[in-house]
């Protein structure tokens, strides 16, 4: 799924930091998929 209208853009530094936390917990793949889906397919922003 990909929203071609109404998406926004911002810093991803905090997301990458959380992905390293998720890596330590063995959940990196799950979080990465969730972040991608939230950013590209869902309405609520993931930024700030």
ModelCIF file with pLDDT and N, C-alpha, C, O atoms, coordinates in Angstrom:
data_MODEL
#
_entry.id   MODEL 
#
_entity.id                         1 
_entity.type                       polymer 
_entity.pdbx_number_of_molecules   1 
#
_entity_poly.entity_id                      1 
_entity_poly.type                           'polypeptide(L)' 
_entity_poly.nstd_linkage                   no 
_entity_poly.nstd_monomer                   no 
_entity_poly.pdbx_seq_one_letter_code       
;(UNK)(UNK)(UNK)(UNK)(UNK)(UNK)(UNK)(UNK)(UNK)(UNK)(UNK)(UNK)(UNK)(UNK)(UNK)(UNK)
(UNK)(UNK)(UNK)(UNK)(UNK)(UNK)(UNK)(UNK)(UNK)(UNK)(UNK)(UNK)(UNK)(UNK)(UNK)(UNK)
(UNK)(UNK)(UNK)(UNK)(UNK)(UNK)(UNK)(UNK)(UNK)(UNK)(UNK)(UNK)(UNK)(UNK)(UNK)(UNK)
;
_entity_poly.pdbx_seq_one_letter_code_can   XXXXXXXXXXXXXXXXXXXXXXXXXXXXXXXXXXXXXXXXXXXXXXXX 
_entity_poly.pdbx_strand_id                 A 
#
loop_
_entity_poly_seq.entity_id 
_entity_poly_seq.num 
_entity_poly_seq.mon_id 
_entity_poly_seq.hetero 
1 1  UNK n 
1 2  UNK n 
1 3  UNK n 
1 4  UNK n 
1 5  UNK n 
1 6  UNK n 
1 7  UNK n 
1 8  UNK n 
1 9  UNK n 
1 10 UNK n 
1 11 UNK n 
1 12 UNK n 
1 13 UNK n 
1 14 UNK n 
1 15 UNK n 
1 16 UNK n 
1 17 UNK n 
1 18 UNK n 
1 19 UNK n 
1 20 UNK n 
1 21 UNK n 
1 22 UNK n 
1 23 UNK n 
1 24 UNK n 
1 25 UNK n 
1 26 UNK n 
1 27 UNK n 
1 28 UNK n 
1 29 UNK n 
1 30 UNK n 
1 31 UNK n 
1 32 UNK n 
1 33 UNK n 
1 34 UNK n 
1 35 UNK n 
1 36 UNK n 
1 37 UNK n 
1 38 UNK n 
1 39 UNK n 
1 40 UNK n 
1 41 UNK n 
1 42 UNK n 
1 43 UNK n 
1 44 UNK n 
1 45 UNK n 
1 46 UNK n 
1 47 UNK n 
1 48 UNK n 
#
_struct_asym.id          A 
_struct_asym.entity_id   1 
#
loop_
_ma_qa_metric.id 
_ma_qa_metric.mode 
_ma_qa_metric.name 
_ma_qa_metric.software_group_id 
_ma_qa_metric.type 
1 global pLDDT . pLDDT 
2 local  pLDDT . pLDDT 
#
_ma_qa_metric_global.metric_id      1 
_ma_qa_metric_global.metric_value   97.10 
_ma_qa_metric_global.model_id       1 
_ma_qa_metric_global.ordinal_id     1 
#
loop_
_ma_qa_metric_local.label_asym_id 
_ma_qa_metric_local.label_comp_id 
_ma_qa_metric_local.label_seq_id 
_ma_qa_metric_local.metric_id 
_ma_qa_metric_local.metric_value 
_ma_qa_metric_local.model_id 
_ma_qa_metric_local.ordinal_id 
A UNK 1  2 98.00 1 1  
A UNK 2  2 98.00 1 2  
A UNK 3  2 97.00 1 3  
A UNK 4  2 97.00 1 4  
A UNK 5  2 96.00 1 5  
A UNK 6  2 94.00 1 6  
A UNK 7  2 96.00 1 7  
A UNK 8  2 96.00 1 8  
A UNK 9  2 97.00 1 9  
A UNK 10 2 97.00 1 10 
A UNK 11 2 98.00 1 11 
A UNK 12 2 98.00 1 12 
A UNK 13 2 98.00 1 13 
A UNK 14 2 98.00 1 14 
A UNK 15 2 98.00 1 15 
A UNK 16 2 98.00 1 16 
A UNK 17 2 98.00 1 17 
A UNK 18 2 98.00 1 18 
A UNK 19 2 98.00 1 19 
A UNK 20 2 98.00 1 20 
A UNK 21 2 98.00 1 21 
A UNK 22 2 98.00 1 22 
A UNK 23 2 97.00 1 23 
A UNK 24 2 97.00 1 24 
A UNK 25 2 97.00 1 25 
A UNK 26 2 96.00 1 26 
A UNK 27 2 97.00 1 27 
A UNK 28 2 97.00 1 28 
A UNK 29 2 96.00 1 29 
A UNK 30 2 98.00 1 30 
A UNK 31 2 98.00 1 31 
A UNK 32 2 98.00 1 32 
A UNK 33 2 98.00 1 33 
A UNK 34 2 98.00 1 34 
A UNK 35 2 98.00 1 35 
A UNK 36 2 98.00 1 36 
A UNK 37 2 98.00 1 37 
A UNK 38 2 98.00 1 38 
A UNK 39 2 98.00 1 39 
A UNK 40 2 98.00 1 40 
A UNK 41 2 97.00 1 41 
A UNK 42 2 97.00 1 42 
A UNK 43 2 94.00 1 43 
A UNK 44 2 94.00 1 44 
A UNK 45 2 95.00 1 45 
A UNK 46 2 96.00 1 46 
A UNK 47 2 97.00 1 47 
A UNK 48 2 94.00 1 48 
#
loop_
_atom_site.group_PDB 
_atom_site.id 
_atom_site.type_symbol 
_atom_site.label_atom_id 
_atom_site.label_alt_id 
_atom_site.label_comp_id 
_atom_site.label_asym_id 
_atom_site.label_entity_id 
_atom_site.label_seq_id 
_atom_site.pdbx_PDB_ins_code 
_atom_site.Cartn_x 
_atom_site.Cartn_y 
_atom_site.Cartn_z 
_atom_site.occupancy 
_atom_site.B_iso_or_equiv 
_atom_site.pdbx_formal_charge 
_atom_site.auth_seq_id 
_atom_site.auth_comp_id 
_atom_site.auth_asym_id 
_atom_site.auth_atom_id 
_atom_site.pdbx_PDB_model_num 
ATOM 1   N N  . UNK A 1 1  ? 0.856  -1.191  0.000  1.00 98.00 ? 1  UNK A N  1 
ATOM 2   C CA . UNK A 1 1  ? 0.000  0.000   0.000  1.00 98.00 ? 1  UNK A CA 1 
ATOM 3   C C  . UNK A 1 1  ? 0.891  1.239   0.000  1.00 98.00 ? 1  UNK A C  1 
ATOM 4   O O  . UNK A 1 1  ? 1.960  1.251   0.609  1.00 98.00 ? 1  UNK A O  1 
ATOM 5   N N  . UNK A 1 2  ? 0.429  2.286   -0.696 1.00 98.00 ? 2  UNK A N  1 
ATOM 6   C CA . UNK A 1 2  ? 1.237  3.510   -0.808 1.00 98.00 ? 2  UNK A CA 1 
ATOM 7   C C  . UNK A 1 2  ? 0.307  4.692   -1.016 1.00 98.00 ? 2  UNK A C  1 
ATOM 8   O O  . UNK A 1 2  ? -0.429 4.753   -2.001 1.00 98.00 ? 2  UNK A O  1 
ATOM 9   N N  . UNK A 1 3  ? 0.348  5.630   -0.078 1.00 97.00 ? 3  UNK A N  1 
ATOM 10  C CA . UNK A 1 3  ? -0.467 6.841   -0.203 1.00 97.00 ? 3  UNK A CA 1 
ATOM 11  C C  . UNK A 1 3  ? 0.256  7.847   -1.087 1.00 97.00 ? 3  UNK A C  1 
ATOM 12  O O  . UNK A 1 3  ? 1.331  8.330   -0.732 1.00 97.00 ? 3  UNK A O  1 
ATOM 13  N N  . UNK A 1 4  ? -0.318 8.157   -2.214 1.00 97.00 ? 4  UNK A N  1 
ATOM 14  C CA . UNK A 1 4  ? 0.331  9.098   -3.141 1.00 97.00 ? 4  UNK A CA 1 
ATOM 15  C C  . UNK A 1 4  ? -0.057 10.547  -2.865 1.00 97.00 ? 4  UNK A C  1 
ATOM 16  O O  . UNK A 1 4  ? 0.425  11.461  -3.534 1.00 97.00 ? 4  UNK A O  1 
ATOM 17  N N  . UNK A 1 5  ? -0.916 10.753  -1.892 1.00 96.00 ? 5  UNK A N  1 
ATOM 18  C CA . UNK A 1 5  ? -1.348 12.107  -1.537 1.00 96.00 ? 5  UNK A CA 1 
ATOM 19  C C  . UNK A 1 5  ? -1.259 12.296  -0.019 1.00 96.00 ? 5  UNK A C  1 
ATOM 20  O O  . UNK A 1 5  ? -1.593 11.397  0.752  1.00 96.00 ? 5  UNK A O  1 
ATOM 21  N N  . UNK A 1 6  ? -0.807 13.472  0.387  1.00 94.00 ? 6  UNK A N  1 
ATOM 22  C CA . UNK A 1 6  ? -0.888 13.840  1.791  1.00 94.00 ? 6  UNK A CA 1 
ATOM 23  C C  . UNK A 1 6  ? 0.199  13.337  2.709  1.00 94.00 ? 6  UNK A C  1 
ATOM 24  O O  . UNK A 1 6  ? 0.104  13.540  3.920  1.00 94.00 ? 6  UNK A O  1 
ATOM 25  N N  . UNK A 1 7  ? 1.232  12.688  2.192  1.00 96.00 ? 7  UNK A N  1 
ATOM 26  C CA . UNK A 1 7  ? 2.322  12.244  3.068  1.00 96.00 ? 7  UNK A CA 1 
ATOM 27  C C  . UNK A 1 7  ? 3.233  13.415  3.435  1.00 96.00 ? 7  UNK A C  1 
ATOM 28  O O  . UNK A 1 7  ? 3.248  14.440  2.754  1.00 96.00 ? 7  UNK A O  1 
ATOM 29  N N  . UNK A 1 8  ? 3.997  13.249  4.527  1.00 96.00 ? 8  UNK A N  1 
ATOM 30  C CA . UNK A 1 8  ? 4.955  14.277  4.883  1.00 96.00 ? 8  UNK A CA 1 
ATOM 31  C C  . UNK A 1 8  ? 6.354  13.695  5.028  1.00 96.00 ? 8  UNK A C  1 
ATOM 32  O O  . UNK A 1 8  ? 6.561  12.493  4.868  1.00 96.00 ? 8  UNK A O  1 
ATOM 33  N N  . UNK A 1 9  ? 7.313  14.571  5.335  1.00 97.00 ? 9  UNK A N  1 
ATOM 34  C CA . UNK A 1 9  ? 8.724  14.192  5.361  1.00 97.00 ? 9  UNK A CA 1 
ATOM 35  C C  . UNK A 1 9  ? 9.394  14.865  6.554  1.00 97.00 ? 9  UNK A C  1 
ATOM 36  O O  . UNK A 1 9  ? 9.096  16.014  6.881  1.00 97.00 ? 9  UNK A O  1 
ATOM 37  N N  . UNK A 1 10 ? 10.303 14.137  7.200  1.00 97.00 ? 10 UNK A N  1 
ATOM 38  C CA . UNK A 1 10 ? 11.010 14.706  8.341  1.00 97.00 ? 10 UNK A CA 1 
ATOM 39  C C  . UNK A 1 10 ? 12.222 13.877  8.706  1.00 97.00 ? 10 UNK A C  1 
ATOM 40  O O  . UNK A 1 10 ? 12.661 13.028  7.930  1.00 97.00 ? 10 UNK A O  1 
ATOM 41  N N  . UNK A 1 11 ? 12.758 14.121  9.881  1.00 98.00 ? 11 UNK A N  1 
ATOM 42  C CA . UNK A 1 11 ? 13.944 13.409  10.357 1.00 98.00 ? 11 UNK A CA 1 
ATOM 43  C C  . UNK A 1 11 ? 13.606 11.963  10.711 1.00 98.00 ? 11 UNK A C  1 
ATOM 44  O O  . UNK A 1 11 ? 12.560 11.684  11.296 1.00 98.00 ? 11 UNK A O  1 
ATOM 45  N N  . UNK A 1 12 ? 14.503 11.051  10.349 1.00 98.00 ? 12 UNK A N  1 
ATOM 46  C CA . UNK A 1 12 ? 14.316 9.634   10.675 1.00 98.00 ? 12 UNK A CA 1 
ATOM 47  C C  . UNK A 1 12 ? 15.320 9.151   11.727 1.00 98.00 ? 12 UNK A C  1 
ATOM 48  O O  . UNK A 1 12 ? 15.406 7.952   11.993 1.00 98.00 ? 12 UNK A O  1 
ATOM 49  N N  . UNK A 1 13 ? 16.069 10.064  12.320 1.00 98.00 ? 13 UNK A N  1 
ATOM 50  C CA . UNK A 1 13 ? 17.117 9.682   13.267 1.00 98.00 ? 13 UNK A CA 1 
ATOM 51  C C  . UNK A 1 13 ? 16.554 8.879   14.443 1.00 98.00 ? 13 UNK A C  1 
ATOM 52  O O  . UNK A 1 13 ? 17.117 7.848   14.810 1.00 98.00 ? 13 UNK A O  1 
ATOM 53  N N  . UNK A 1 14 ? 15.459 9.339   15.032 1.00 98.00 ? 14 UNK A N  1 
ATOM 54  C CA . UNK A 1 14 ? 14.873 8.613   16.168 1.00 98.00 ? 14 UNK A CA 1 
ATOM 55  C C  . UNK A 1 14 ? 14.395 7.229   15.752 1.00 98.00 ? 14 UNK A C  1 
ATOM 56  O O  . UNK A 1 14 ? 14.490 6.281   16.532 1.00 98.00 ? 14 UNK A O  1 
ATOM 57  N N  . UNK A 1 15 ? 13.891 7.102   14.550 1.00 98.00 ? 15 UNK A N  1 
ATOM 58  C CA . UNK A 1 15 ? 13.443 5.791   14.079 1.00 98.00 ? 15 UNK A CA 1 
ATOM 59  C C  . UNK A 1 15 ? 14.614 4.832   13.966 1.00 98.00 ? 15 UNK A C  1 
ATOM 60  O O  . UNK A 1 15 ? 14.503 3.660   14.327 1.00 98.00 ? 15 UNK A O  1 
ATOM 61  N N  . UNK A 1 16 ? 15.741 5.331   13.461 1.00 98.00 ? 16 UNK A N  1 
ATOM 62  C CA . UNK A 1 16 ? 16.919 4.477   13.359 1.00 98.00 ? 16 UNK A CA 1 
ATOM 63  C C  . UNK A 1 16 ? 17.430 4.075   14.737 1.00 98.00 ? 16 UNK A C  1 
ATOM 64  O O  . UNK A 1 16 ? 17.887 2.949   14.932 1.00 98.00 ? 16 UNK A O  1 
ATOM 65  N N  . UNK A 1 17 ? 17.351 4.997   15.688 1.00 98.00 ? 17 UNK A N  1 
ATOM 66  C CA . UNK A 1 17 ? 17.779 4.643   17.041 1.00 98.00 ? 17 UNK A CA 1 
ATOM 67  C C  . UNK A 1 17 ? 16.877 3.547   17.620 1.00 98.00 ? 17 UNK A C  1 
ATOM 68  O O  . UNK A 1 17 ? 17.360 2.620   18.270 1.00 98.00 ? 17 UNK A O  1 
ATOM 69  N N  . UNK A 1 18 ? 15.580 3.658   17.381 1.00 98.00 ? 18 UNK A N  1 
ATOM 70  C CA . UNK A 1 18 ? 14.665 2.620   17.839 1.00 98.00 ? 18 UNK A CA 1 
ATOM 71  C C  . UNK A 1 18 ? 14.922 1.287   17.125 1.00 98.00 ? 18 UNK A C  1 
ATOM 72  O O  . UNK A 1 18 ? 14.754 0.222   17.719 1.00 98.00 ? 18 UNK A O  1 
ATOM 73  N N  . UNK A 1 19 ? 15.319 1.346   15.878 1.00 98.00 ? 19 UNK A N  1 
ATOM 74  C CA . UNK A 1 19 ? 15.623 0.109   15.150 1.00 98.00 ? 19 UNK A CA 1 
ATOM 75  C C  . UNK A 1 19 ? 16.825 -0.607  15.743 1.00 98.00 ? 19 UNK A C  1 
ATOM 76  O O  . UNK A 1 19 ? 16.895 -1.836  15.703 1.00 98.00 ? 19 UNK A O  1 
ATOM 77  N N  . UNK A 1 20 ? 17.768 0.141   16.290 1.00 98.00 ? 20 UNK A N  1 
ATOM 78  C CA . UNK A 1 20 ? 18.897 -0.504  16.961 1.00 98.00 ? 20 UNK A CA 1 
ATOM 79  C C  . UNK A 1 20 ? 18.457 -1.124  18.285 1.00 98.00 ? 20 UNK A C  1 
ATOM 80  O O  . UNK A 1 20 ? 18.938 -2.192  18.663 1.00 98.00 ? 20 UNK A O  1 
ATOM 81  N N  . UNK A 1 21 ? 17.554 -0.462  18.982 1.00 98.00 ? 21 UNK A N  1 
ATOM 82  C CA . UNK A 1 21 ? 16.961 -1.082  20.174 1.00 98.00 ? 21 UNK A CA 1 
ATOM 83  C C  . UNK A 1 21 ? 16.253 -2.369  19.787 1.00 98.00 ? 21 UNK A C  1 
ATOM 84  O O  . UNK A 1 21 ? 16.399 -3.390  20.460 1.00 98.00 ? 21 UNK A O  1 
ATOM 85  N N  . UNK A 1 22 ? 15.493 -2.324  18.716 1.00 98.00 ? 22 UNK A N  1 
ATOM 86  C CA . UNK A 1 22 ? 14.757 -3.497  18.253 1.00 98.00 ? 22 UNK A CA 1 
ATOM 87  C C  . UNK A 1 22 ? 15.702 -4.616  17.834 1.00 98.00 ? 22 UNK A C  1 
ATOM 88  O O  . UNK A 1 22 ? 15.395 -5.792  18.032 1.00 98.00 ? 22 UNK A O  1 
ATOM 89  N N  . UNK A 1 23 ? 16.833 -4.266  17.264 1.00 97.00 ? 23 UNK A N  1 
ATOM 90  C CA . UNK A 1 23 ? 17.824 -5.276  16.880 1.00 97.00 ? 23 UNK A CA 1 
ATOM 91  C C  . UNK A 1 23 ? 18.297 -6.028  18.106 1.00 97.00 ? 23 UNK A C  1 
ATOM 92  O O  . UNK A 1 23 ? 18.405 -7.253  18.080 1.00 97.00 ? 23 UNK A O  1 
ATOM 93  N N  . UNK A 1 24 ? 18.582 -5.302  19.187 1.00 97.00 ? 24 UNK A N  1 
ATOM 94  C CA . UNK A 1 24 ? 19.031 -5.948  20.427 1.00 97.00 ? 24 UNK A CA 1 
ATOM 95  C C  . UNK A 1 24 ? 17.968 -6.888  20.983 1.00 97.00 ? 24 UNK A C  1 
ATOM 96  O O  . UNK A 1 24 ? 18.286 -7.881  21.636 1.00 97.00 ? 24 UNK A O  1 
ATOM 97  N N  . UNK A 1 25 ? 16.703 -6.566  20.718 1.00 97.00 ? 25 UNK A N  1 
ATOM 98  C CA . UNK A 1 25 ? 15.596 -7.375  21.238 1.00 97.00 ? 25 UNK A CA 1 
ATOM 99  C C  . UNK A 1 25 ? 15.129 -8.442  20.246 1.00 97.00 ? 25 UNK A C  1 
ATOM 100 O O  . UNK A 1 25 ? 14.186 -9.180  20.527 1.00 97.00 ? 25 UNK A O  1 
ATOM 101 N N  . UNK A 1 26 ? 15.787 -8.523  19.089 1.00 96.00 ? 26 UNK A N  1 
ATOM 102 C CA . UNK A 1 26 ? 15.380 -9.499  18.084 1.00 96.00 ? 26 UNK A CA 1 
ATOM 103 C C  . UNK A 1 26 ? 14.091 -9.143  17.368 1.00 96.00 ? 26 UNK A C  1 
ATOM 104 O O  . UNK A 1 26 ? 13.407 -10.024 16.848 1.00 96.00 ? 26 UNK A O  1 
ATOM 105 N N  . UNK A 1 27 ? 13.745 -7.838  17.334 1.00 97.00 ? 27 UNK A N  1 
ATOM 106 C CA . UNK A 1 27 ? 12.488 -7.397  16.731 1.00 97.00 ? 27 UNK A CA 1 
ATOM 107 C C  . UNK A 1 27 ? 12.713 -6.348  15.641 1.00 97.00 ? 27 UNK A C  1 
ATOM 108 O O  . UNK A 1 27 ? 11.800 -5.594  15.306 1.00 97.00 ? 27 UNK A O  1 
ATOM 109 N N  . UNK A 1 28 ? 13.919 -6.301  15.092 1.00 97.00 ? 28 UNK A N  1 
ATOM 110 C CA . UNK A 1 28 ? 14.248 -5.257  14.125 1.00 97.00 ? 28 UNK A CA 1 
ATOM 111 C C  . UNK A 1 28 ? 13.397 -5.345  12.857 1.00 97.00 ? 28 UNK A C  1 
ATOM 112 O O  . UNK A 1 28 ? 12.889 -4.334  12.372 1.00 97.00 ? 28 UNK A O  1 
ATOM 113 N N  . UNK A 1 29 ? 13.248 -6.534  12.335 1.00 96.00 ? 29 UNK A N  1 
ATOM 114 C CA . UNK A 1 29 ? 12.476 -6.710  11.102 1.00 96.00 ? 29 UNK A CA 1 
ATOM 115 C C  . UNK A 1 29 ? 11.029 -6.274  11.300 1.00 96.00 ? 29 UNK A C  1 
ATOM 116 O O  . UNK A 1 29 ? 10.448 -5.614  10.439 1.00 96.00 ? 29 UNK A O  1 
ATOM 117 N N  . UNK A 1 30 ? 10.457 -6.645  12.428 1.00 98.00 ? 30 UNK A N  1 
ATOM 118 C CA . UNK A 1 30 ? 9.065  -6.294  12.712 1.00 98.00 ? 30 UNK A CA 1 
ATOM 119 C C  . UNK A 1 30 ? 8.887  -4.784  12.825 1.00 98.00 ? 30 UNK A C  1 
ATOM 120 O O  . UNK A 1 30 ? 7.908  -4.233  12.320 1.00 98.00 ? 30 UNK A O  1 
ATOM 121 N N  . UNK A 1 31 ? 9.828  -4.113  13.486 1.00 98.00 ? 31 UNK A N  1 
ATOM 122 C CA . UNK A 1 31 ? 9.710  -2.665  13.629 1.00 98.00 ? 31 UNK A CA 1 
ATOM 123 C C  . UNK A 1 31 ? 9.940  -1.965  12.300 1.00 98.00 ? 31 UNK A C  1 
ATOM 124 O O  . UNK A 1 31 ? 9.243  -1.000  11.986 1.00 98.00 ? 31 UNK A O  1 
ATOM 125 N N  . UNK A 1 32 ? 10.900 -2.428  11.518 1.00 98.00 ? 32 UNK A N  1 
ATOM 126 C CA . UNK A 1 32 ? 11.154 -1.804  10.220 1.00 98.00 ? 32 UNK A CA 1 
ATOM 127 C C  . UNK A 1 32 ? 9.915  -1.887  9.336  1.00 98.00 ? 32 UNK A C  1 
ATOM 128 O O  . UNK A 1 32 ? 9.542  -0.906  8.693  1.00 98.00 ? 32 UNK A O  1 
ATOM 129 N N  . UNK A 1 33 ? 9.282  -3.044  9.305  1.00 98.00 ? 33 UNK A N  1 
ATOM 130 C CA . UNK A 1 33 ? 8.053  -3.192  8.506  1.00 98.00 ? 33 UNK A CA 1 
ATOM 131 C C  . UNK A 1 33 ? 6.957  -2.267  9.016  1.00 98.00 ? 33 UNK A C  1 
ATOM 132 O O  . UNK A 1 33 ? 6.222  -1.673  8.227  1.00 98.00 ? 33 UNK A O  1 
ATOM 133 N N  . UNK A 1 34 ? 6.849  -2.145  10.341 1.00 98.00 ? 34 UNK A N  1 
ATOM 134 C CA . UNK A 1 34 ? 5.819  -1.277  10.914 1.00 98.00 ? 34 UNK A CA 1 
ATOM 135 C C  . UNK A 1 34 ? 6.066  0.187   10.565 1.00 98.00 ? 34 UNK A C  1 
ATOM 136 O O  . UNK A 1 34 ? 5.126  0.925   10.273 1.00 98.00 ? 34 UNK A O  1 
ATOM 137 N N  . UNK A 1 35 ? 7.324  0.606   10.596 1.00 98.00 ? 35 UNK A N  1 
ATOM 138 C CA . UNK A 1 35 ? 7.673  1.987   10.267 1.00 98.00 ? 35 UNK A CA 1 
ATOM 139 C C  . UNK A 1 35 ? 7.423  2.284   8.791  1.00 98.00 ? 35 UNK A C  1 
ATOM 140 O O  . UNK A 1 35 ? 6.887  3.338   8.448  1.00 98.00 ? 35 UNK A O  1 
ATOM 141 N N  . UNK A 1 36 ? 7.809  1.363   7.926  1.00 98.00 ? 36 UNK A N  1 
ATOM 142 C CA . UNK A 1 36 ? 7.551  1.555   6.495  1.00 98.00 ? 36 UNK A CA 1 
ATOM 143 C C  . UNK A 1 36 ? 6.052  1.683   6.232  1.00 98.00 ? 36 UNK A C  1 
ATOM 144 O O  . UNK A 1 36 ? 5.605  2.593   5.534  1.00 98.00 ? 36 UNK A O  1 
ATOM 145 N N  . UNK A 1 37 ? 5.293  0.763   6.798  1.00 98.00 ? 37 UNK A N  1 
ATOM 146 C CA . UNK A 1 37 ? 3.848  0.764   6.568  1.00 98.00 ? 37 UNK A CA 1 
ATOM 147 C C  . UNK A 1 37 ? 3.217  2.058   7.095  1.00 98.00 ? 37 UNK A C  1 
ATOM 148 O O  . UNK A 1 37 ? 2.356  2.647   6.441  1.00 98.00 ? 37 UNK A O  1 
ATOM 149 N N  . UNK A 1 38 ? 3.653  2.490   8.276  1.00 98.00 ? 38 UNK A N  1 
ATOM 150 C CA . UNK A 1 38 ? 3.104  3.714   8.863  1.00 98.00 ? 38 UNK A CA 1 
ATOM 151 C C  . UNK A 1 38 ? 3.436  4.931   8.010  1.00 98.00 ? 38 UNK A C  1 
ATOM 152 O O  . UNK A 1 38 ? 2.592  5.807   7.820  1.00 98.00 ? 38 UNK A O  1 
ATOM 153 N N  . UNK A 1 39 ? 4.651  4.989   7.500  1.00 98.00 ? 39 UNK A N  1 
ATOM 154 C CA . UNK A 1 39 ? 5.066  6.163   6.735  1.00 98.00 ? 39 UNK A CA 1 
ATOM 155 C C  . UNK A 1 39 ? 4.448  6.212   5.348  1.00 98.00 ? 39 UNK A C  1 
ATOM 156 O O  . UNK A 1 39 ? 4.049  7.279   4.881  1.00 98.00 ? 39 UNK A O  1 
ATOM 157 N N  . UNK A 1 40 ? 4.369  5.084   4.700  1.00 98.00 ? 40 UNK A N  1 
ATOM 158 C CA . UNK A 1 40 ? 3.932  5.093   3.299  1.00 98.00 ? 40 UNK A CA 1 
ATOM 159 C C  . UNK A 1 40 ? 2.467  4.721   3.083  1.00 98.00 ? 40 UNK A C  1 
ATOM 160 O O  . UNK A 1 40 ? 1.903  5.042   2.037  1.00 98.00 ? 40 UNK A O  1 
ATOM 161 N N  . UNK A 1 41 ? 1.846  4.057   4.045  1.00 97.00 ? 41 UNK A N  1 
ATOM 162 C CA . UNK A 1 41 ? 0.493  3.577   3.795  1.00 97.00 ? 41 UNK A CA 1 
ATOM 163 C C  . UNK A 1 41 ? -0.562 4.130   4.743  1.00 97.00 ? 41 UNK A C  1 
ATOM 164 O O  . UNK A 1 41 ? -1.751 4.063   4.434  1.00 97.00 ? 41 UNK A O  1 
ATOM 165 N N  . UNK A 1 42 ? -0.163 4.675   5.888  1.00 97.00 ? 42 UNK A N  1 
ATOM 166 C CA . UNK A 1 42 ? -1.135 5.115   6.884  1.00 97.00 ? 42 UNK A CA 1 
ATOM 167 C C  . UNK A 1 42 ? -1.186 6.642   6.965  1.00 97.00 ? 42 UNK A C  1 
ATOM 168 O O  . UNK A 1 42 ? -0.248 7.330   6.563  1.00 97.00 ? 42 UNK A O  1 
ATOM 169 N N  . UNK A 1 43 ? -2.285 7.151   7.486  1.00 94.00 ? 43 UNK A N  1 
ATOM 170 C CA . UNK A 1 43 ? -2.514 8.601   7.474  1.00 94.00 ? 43 UNK A CA 1 
ATOM 171 C C  . UNK A 1 43 ? -1.728 9.342   8.552  1.00 94.00 ? 43 UNK A C  1 
ATOM 172 O O  . UNK A 1 43 ? -1.182 10.411  8.280  1.00 94.00 ? 43 UNK A O  1 
ATOM 173 N N  . UNK A 1 44 ? -1.657 8.810   9.752  1.00 94.00 ? 44 UNK A N  1 
ATOM 174 C CA . UNK A 1 44 ? -1.005 9.535   10.838 1.00 94.00 ? 44 UNK A CA 1 
ATOM 175 C C  . UNK A 1 44 ? 0.505  9.580   10.631 1.00 94.00 ? 44 UNK A C  1 
ATOM 176 O O  . UNK A 1 44 ? 1.125  8.557   10.339 1.00 94.00 ? 44 UNK A O  1 
ATOM 177 N N  . UNK A 1 45 ? 1.091  10.752  10.780 1.00 95.00 ? 45 UNK A N  1 
ATOM 178 C CA . UNK A 1 45 ? 2.514  10.939  10.532 1.00 95.00 ? 45 UNK A CA 1 
ATOM 179 C C  . UNK A 1 45 ? 3.373  10.183  11.549 1.00 95.00 ? 45 UNK A C  1 
ATOM 180 O O  . UNK A 1 45 ? 2.971  9.981   12.695 1.00 95.00 ? 45 UNK A O  1 
ATOM 181 N N  . UNK A 1 46 ? 4.551  9.774   11.112 1.00 96.00 ? 46 UNK A N  1 
ATOM 182 C CA . UNK A 1 46 ? 5.525  9.146   12.021 1.00 96.00 ? 46 UNK A CA 1 
ATOM 183 C C  . UNK A 1 46 ? 6.601  10.138  12.450 1.00 96.00 ? 46 UNK A C  1 
ATOM 184 O O  . UNK A 1 46 ? 7.491  9.787   13.224 1.00 96.00 ? 46 UNK A O  1 
ATOM 185 N N  . UNK A 1 47 ? 6.530  11.366  11.959 1.00 97.00 ? 47 UNK A N  1 
ATOM 186 C CA . UNK A 1 47 ? 7.584  12.341  12.224 1.00 97.00 ? 47 UNK A CA 1 
ATOM 187 C C  . UNK A 1 47 ? 7.235  13.249  13.399 1.00 97.00 ? 47 UNK A C  1 
ATOM 188 O O  . UNK A 1 47 ? 6.108  13.726  13.527 1.00 97.00 ? 47 UNK A O  1 
ATOM 189 N N  . UNK A 1 48 ? 8.235  13.475  14.254 1.00 94.00 ? 48 UNK A N  1 
ATOM 190 C CA . UNK A 1 48 ? 8.100  14.374  15.409 1.00 94.00 ? 48 UNK A CA 1 
ATOM 191 C C  . UNK A 1 48 ? 6.921  14.009  16.291 1.00 94.00 ? 48 UNK A C  1 
ATOM 192 O O  . UNK A 1 48 ? 6.676  14.670  17.300 1.00 94.00 ? 48 UNK A O  1 
#
